[in-house]
């Protein structure tokens, strides 16, 4: 399960609207609970460095990812997931999304942005033991109240 605040949820959806008709992308930072729940405590927006087809692909610069990971660790946070948008396409993972996902145990959140407006947002956990048997599994998302 992925747990995040309403404001974090709204932020990643708004990011998709702002970058439309291109894909947005970012990192979810937080904590891994013993029961497997991932709790998002902050969201880091990233630039989509994909130049060949940013309308249906994304890439996070590795240097930006390392910086975000380092800053998160300084605050006691781990990378618990990633998010991106699908402009005018469903909030479902694609074969490319699976091929380019490498953080087993992390959540991958996808927001469908239809004609510039965020529609459906879904989360998928990358499971498996290595690259050969990795797969996405639908994951429930729990939104907390702002004061929770």
Protein backbone atom coordinates (compact mmCIF):
# COMPACT_ATOMS: atom_id res chain seq x y z
CA UNK A 1 0.00 0.00 0.00
CA UNK A 2 1.09 3.54 -0.73
CA UNK A 3 0.11 6.21 1.78
CA UNK A 4 0.42 9.88 0.96
CA UNK A 5 -1.13 13.16 1.98
CA UNK A 6 -3.83 14.82 -0.05
CA UNK A 7 -1.43 17.69 -0.74
CA UNK A 8 1.27 15.33 -2.10
CA UNK A 9 -1.35 13.63 -4.28
CA UNK A 10 -2.62 16.99 -5.53
CA UNK A 11 0.95 18.15 -6.20
CA UNK A 12 1.88 15.25 -8.47
CA UNK A 13 -1.41 15.55 -10.37
CA UNK A 14 -0.90 19.31 -10.80
CA UNK A 15 2.62 18.64 -12.10
CA UNK A 16 1.07 16.50 -14.86
CA UNK A 17 -1.29 19.31 -15.80
CA UNK A 18 1.53 21.87 -15.87
CA UNK A 19 3.72 19.82 -18.22
CA UNK A 20 0.90 18.69 -20.54
CA UNK A 21 1.18 17.62 -23.40
CA UNK A 22 4.49 16.20 -22.16
CA UNK A 23 5.05 13.66 -19.44
CA UNK A 24 6.02 14.93 -16.02
CA UNK A 25 8.13 12.90 -13.62
CA UNK A 26 9.26 12.97 -10.03
CA UNK A 27 10.37 11.07 -6.97
CA UNK A 28 8.39 9.99 -3.90
CA UNK A 29 10.37 10.11 -0.67
CA UNK A 30 9.40 8.65 2.65
CA UNK A 31 9.52 5.54 4.78
CA UNK A 32 9.15 1.79 4.30
CA UNK A 33 7.02 0.29 7.07
CA UNK A 34 7.56 -3.27 8.33
CA UNK A 35 4.20 -4.36 6.85
CA UNK A 36 5.30 -3.26 3.36
CA UNK A 37 3.41 0.04 3.39
CA UNK A 38 5.26 2.95 1.86
CA UNK A 39 4.56 6.32 3.49
CA UNK A 40 5.28 9.36 1.31
CA UNK A 41 6.58 12.29 3.34
CA UNK A 42 7.71 14.50 0.45
CA UNK A 43 7.54 14.77 -3.32
CA UNK A 44 10.43 15.94 -5.49
CA UNK A 45 9.55 17.24 -8.94
CA UNK A 46 12.07 16.38 -11.64
CA UNK A 47 12.67 17.66 -15.12
CA UNK A 48 11.88 15.27 -17.96
CA UNK A 49 15.20 15.07 -19.81
CA UNK A 50 13.78 12.92 -22.59
CA UNK A 51 14.30 14.89 -25.82
CA UNK A 52 13.24 12.35 -28.44
CA UNK A 53 9.62 11.81 -27.32
CA UNK A 54 8.72 13.66 -24.09
CA UNK A 55 5.01 13.34 -24.92
CA UNK A 56 5.12 9.59 -24.22
CA UNK A 57 8.43 8.90 -22.43
CA UNK A 58 10.28 10.32 -19.46
CA UNK A 59 13.75 10.25 -18.03
CA UNK A 60 15.15 11.62 -14.78
CA UNK A 61 18.74 12.83 -14.99
CA UNK A 62 20.82 10.46 -12.81
CA UNK A 63 22.59 13.42 -11.21
CA UNK A 64 19.24 14.88 -10.16
CA UNK A 65 18.16 11.50 -8.78
CA UNK A 66 21.38 11.18 -6.74
CA UNK A 67 20.93 14.70 -5.36
CA UNK A 68 17.31 13.97 -4.39
CA UNK A 69 18.32 10.68 -2.76
CA UNK A 70 21.15 12.35 -0.81
CA UNK A 71 18.94 15.22 0.39
CA UNK A 72 16.22 12.75 1.37
CA UNK A 73 18.64 10.63 3.40
CA UNK A 74 19.76 13.77 5.24
CA UNK A 75 16.10 14.16 6.33
CA UNK A 76 15.74 10.44 7.15
CA UNK A 77 13.77 9.66 3.98
CA UNK A 78 14.27 6.91 1.40
CA UNK A 79 13.12 6.81 -2.20
CA UNK A 80 9.85 4.89 -1.95
CA UNK A 81 8.64 5.49 -5.49
CA UNK A 82 8.39 7.52 -8.63
CA UNK A 83 5.59 9.22 -10.50
CA UNK A 84 4.90 10.30 -14.05
CA UNK A 85 1.99 11.30 -16.23
CA UNK A 86 0.42 9.81 -19.33
CA UNK A 87 -0.89 12.66 -21.51
CA UNK A 88 -4.12 11.58 -23.21
CA UNK A 89 -3.51 7.93 -22.30
CA UNK A 90 -4.77 5.70 -19.46
CA UNK A 91 -3.16 5.61 -16.02
CA UNK A 92 -1.82 2.13 -16.72
CA UNK A 93 1.80 1.04 -17.08
CA UNK A 94 3.19 0.41 -20.54
CA UNK A 95 5.79 -2.14 -21.63
CA UNK A 96 8.28 0.76 -21.77
CA UNK A 97 7.38 1.75 -18.19
CA UNK A 98 8.15 -1.79 -17.05
CA UNK A 99 11.36 -2.06 -19.06
CA UNK A 100 12.66 1.22 -17.60
CA UNK A 101 11.60 0.51 -13.99
CA UNK A 102 14.45 -0.82 -11.84
CA UNK A 103 13.63 0.00 -8.21
CA UNK A 104 12.08 -3.27 -6.98
CA UNK A 105 9.83 -2.72 -3.98
CA UNK A 106 9.08 0.87 -4.96
CA UNK A 107 5.79 2.37 -6.10
CA UNK A 108 5.27 3.76 -9.59
CA UNK A 109 2.39 6.24 -9.70
CA UNK A 110 0.85 7.14 -13.06
CA UNK A 111 -1.65 9.95 -13.65
CA UNK A 112 -3.68 10.10 -16.82
CA UNK A 113 -3.90 13.73 -17.98
CA UNK A 114 -6.76 14.13 -20.44
CA UNK A 115 -6.78 17.34 -22.50
CA UNK A 116 -4.70 19.08 -19.84
CA UNK A 117 -6.70 17.94 -16.79
CA UNK A 118 -5.58 15.22 -14.37
CA UNK A 119 -8.05 12.36 -14.50
CA UNK A 120 -7.23 8.96 -12.98
CA UNK A 121 -4.18 8.27 -10.81
CA UNK A 122 -3.06 4.68 -10.15
CA UNK A 123 -0.16 3.15 -8.27
CA UNK A 124 1.79 0.00 -9.10
CA UNK A 125 4.44 -1.73 -7.03
CA UNK A 126 7.45 -3.16 -8.86
CA UNK A 127 7.82 -6.69 -7.53
CA UNK A 128 10.19 -9.56 -8.21
CA UNK A 129 13.70 -10.53 -7.23
CA UNK A 130 15.63 -9.12 -10.20
CA UNK A 131 15.31 -7.72 -13.73
CA UNK A 132 14.39 -11.13 -15.18
CA UNK A 133 11.20 -11.60 -13.17
CA UNK A 134 10.14 -8.05 -12.30
CA UNK A 135 6.50 -7.08 -12.77
CA UNK A 136 4.05 -4.38 -11.81
CA UNK A 137 1.26 -5.19 -9.37
CA UNK A 138 -1.67 -2.83 -8.77
CA UNK A 139 -1.29 -1.19 -5.40
CA UNK A 140 -3.93 0.46 -3.22
CA UNK A 141 -3.37 4.12 -2.39
CA UNK A 142 -4.44 5.67 0.89
CA UNK A 143 -4.78 9.45 1.17
CA UNK A 144 -4.33 11.04 4.57
CA UNK A 145 -5.98 14.20 5.80
CA UNK A 146 -3.77 17.32 5.83
CA UNK A 147 -3.61 17.26 9.63
CA UNK A 148 -2.84 13.52 9.87
